[in-house]
Amino acid sequence: MEQKLNVATSIQINAGTDKVWKTLTTPSLIKEYLMGADVHTDWKQGSPIGYTGEYNGKSYTDKGVILKIEPGKILQSTYLSSASGKEDKAENYNIVTYELSAEGHGTRLSLQQTNVSSEKEKEHLTENWNQVLGKLKEIAERQ
């Protein structure tokens, strides 16, 4: 049986949880830090969440469902990237979790992505998420 891996990373942001949450859930801000993605959702538990855009000259449509949402604390959803080449079935979806916690005068934003299929994919995703969180930090701190 194949062992699935997880990606886990975090970043300290010099802004309150309210500003970090706003950055995490405002479509125009998401577009700035998430590689130009347009997000489509109503931000309610059980609702679909989709991302569309163009990356390296190719259009993509990524999708999932919001599993858990607690403003200022946690955003968790399933996720399937159209670029992954994986079949659209439950066992191919990742779970992406953003957790916010107040730390000093700022916020610790932790991210985890489950169901990663290889070390190579894990390395690629870790690098991508670190870039995304770095941009998210810049945006949250400038508000």
Protein backbone atom coordinates (compact mmCIF):
# COMPACT_ATOMS: atom_id res chain seq x y z
CA MET A 1 0.00 0.00 0.00
CA GLU A 2 1.24 3.42 -0.97
CA GLN A 3 2.23 5.78 1.88
CA LYS A 4 0.70 9.25 1.51
CA LEU A 5 2.69 12.28 2.64
CA ASN A 6 1.75 15.64 4.12
CA VAL A 7 3.10 19.12 3.52
CA ALA A 8 3.29 21.37 6.59
CA THR A 9 4.66 24.89 6.80
CA SER A 10 3.97 28.09 8.71
CA ILE A 11 4.84 31.76 8.77
CA GLN A 12 4.79 34.53 11.38
CA ILE A 13 2.84 37.57 10.15
CA ASN A 14 3.10 40.98 11.79
CA ALA A 15 -0.65 41.62 11.64
CA GLY A 16 -3.63 40.62 13.75
CA THR A 17 -5.70 37.54 13.00
CA ASP A 18 -8.49 39.76 11.59
CA LYS A 19 -6.19 41.17 8.90
CA VAL A 20 -4.71 37.76 8.10
CA TRP A 21 -8.21 36.27 7.83
CA LYS A 22 -9.30 39.12 5.54
CA THR A 23 -6.26 38.43 3.33
CA LEU A 24 -7.03 34.71 3.32
CA THR A 25 -10.68 35.15 2.27
CA THR A 26 -10.92 38.28 0.08
CA PRO A 27 -10.98 37.28 -3.61
CA SER A 28 -9.05 40.35 -4.85
CA LEU A 29 -6.30 39.72 -2.28
CA ILE A 30 -6.23 35.96 -2.97
CA LYS A 31 -5.60 36.79 -6.63
CA GLU A 32 -2.48 38.76 -5.55
CA TYR A 33 -0.81 35.97 -3.57
CA LEU A 34 -2.22 32.80 -5.15
CA MET A 35 -0.63 33.01 -8.60
CA GLY A 36 -3.42 35.12 -10.11
CA ALA A 37 -6.19 32.69 -9.19
CA ASP A 38 -9.81 33.78 -9.16
CA VAL A 39 -11.65 32.14 -6.25
CA HIS A 40 -15.32 31.20 -6.43
CA THR A 41 -17.16 30.37 -3.18
CA ASP A 42 -19.62 31.74 -0.63
CA TRP A 43 -17.28 30.89 2.28
CA LYS A 44 -19.74 28.54 3.99
CA GLN A 45 -19.08 25.06 5.37
CA GLY A 46 -20.17 22.45 2.84
CA SER A 47 -20.01 24.88 -0.10
CA PRO A 48 -17.90 24.34 -3.19
CA ILE A 49 -14.70 26.34 -3.59
CA GLY A 50 -13.07 26.73 -6.98
CA TYR A 51 -9.99 28.42 -8.37
CA THR A 52 -9.56 29.39 -12.01
CA GLY A 53 -6.77 31.10 -13.84
CA GLU A 54 -3.80 30.64 -16.07
CA TYR A 55 -0.40 29.35 -15.01
CA ASN A 56 2.60 29.06 -17.35
CA GLY A 57 0.29 29.73 -20.31
CA LYS A 58 -2.19 26.98 -19.40
CA SER A 59 -5.72 27.50 -18.10
CA TYR A 60 -6.70 25.61 -14.97
CA THR A 61 -9.78 24.91 -12.88
CA ASP A 62 -9.09 23.63 -9.38
CA LYS A 63 -11.89 22.64 -7.04
CA GLY A 64 -12.95 21.38 -3.67
CA VAL A 65 -15.44 21.74 -0.85
CA ILE A 66 -15.12 23.79 2.35
CA LEU A 67 -14.97 21.29 5.21
CA LYS A 68 -14.51 23.70 8.09
CA ILE A 69 -14.55 27.47 8.40
CA GLU A 70 -14.21 29.46 11.62
CA PRO A 71 -13.46 33.13 10.88
CA GLY A 72 -10.12 34.18 12.31
CA LYS A 73 -9.20 30.59 13.20
CA ILE A 74 -9.40 27.91 10.51
CA LEU A 75 -10.18 27.36 6.85
CA GLN A 76 -10.14 23.77 5.65
CA SER A 77 -11.18 22.43 2.27
CA THR A 78 -10.72 19.52 -0.05
CA TYR A 79 -8.66 20.33 -3.14
CA LEU A 80 -8.04 18.82 -6.56
CA SER A 81 -5.80 20.54 -9.07
CA SER A 82 -6.72 20.10 -12.72
CA ALA A 83 -2.97 20.29 -13.42
CA SER A 84 -2.33 17.18 -11.31
CA GLY A 85 -3.62 14.85 -14.01
CA LYS A 86 -5.38 12.86 -11.28
CA GLU A 87 -8.85 11.45 -11.81
CA ASP A 88 -11.71 13.35 -10.14
CA LYS A 89 -12.48 10.90 -7.37
CA ALA A 90 -12.48 11.23 -3.59
CA GLU A 91 -9.19 9.44 -2.93
CA ASN A 92 -7.32 11.89 -5.18
CA TYR A 93 -8.34 15.03 -3.31
CA ASN A 94 -5.99 16.75 -0.89
CA ILE A 95 -7.17 18.44 2.28
CA VAL A 96 -5.71 21.93 2.69
CA THR A 97 -5.92 23.49 6.15
CA TYR A 98 -5.00 27.05 7.11
CA GLU A 99 -4.87 27.66 10.86
CA LEU A 100 -4.42 31.08 12.44
CA SER A 101 -3.24 31.64 16.00
CA ALA A 102 -2.42 34.88 17.77
CA GLU A 103 1.28 35.01 18.60
CA GLY A 104 2.69 38.08 20.31
CA HIS A 105 1.49 41.13 18.36
CA GLY A 106 1.01 39.07 15.23
CA THR A 107 -0.38 35.86 13.83
CA ARG A 108 1.11 32.45 13.15
CA LEU A 109 -0.41 31.09 9.94
CA SER A 110 0.09 27.33 9.62
CA LEU A 111 -0.73 25.37 6.50
CA GLN A 112 -1.05 21.65 5.97
CA GLN A 113 -1.83 19.73 2.77
CA THR A 114 -2.58 16.01 3.04
CA ASN A 115 -2.62 13.12 0.58
CA VAL A 116 0.59 14.03 -1.24
CA SER A 117 1.67 11.09 -3.39
CA SER A 118 5.47 11.41 -3.64
CA GLU A 119 8.55 13.07 -2.15
CA LYS A 120 8.99 14.99 -5.42
CA GLU A 121 5.42 16.33 -5.21
CA LYS A 122 5.96 17.18 -1.53
CA GLU A 123 9.11 19.20 -2.33
CA HIS A 124 7.32 21.05 -5.15
CA LEU A 125 4.27 21.82 -2.99
CA THR A 126 6.39 22.93 -0.02
CA GLU A 127 8.27 25.38 -2.25
CA ASN A 128 5.00 26.69 -3.75
CA TRP A 129 3.29 27.07 -0.37
CA ASN A 130 6.28 28.91 1.10
CA GLN A 131 6.12 31.40 -1.81
CA VAL A 132 2.34 31.78 -1.42
CA LEU A 133 2.58 32.34 2.35
CA GLY A 134 5.40 34.85 1.86
CA LYS A 135 3.23 36.90 -0.51
CA LEU A 136 0.22 36.54 1.78
CA LYS A 137 2.35 37.89 4.65
CA GLU A 138 3.36 40.95 2.59
CA ILE A 139 -0.26 41.72 1.73
CA ALA A 140 -1.57 41.21 5.29
CA GLU A 141 1.19 43.41 6.75
CA ARG A 142 0.54 46.30 4.36
CA GLN A 143 -3.18 46.59 5.17
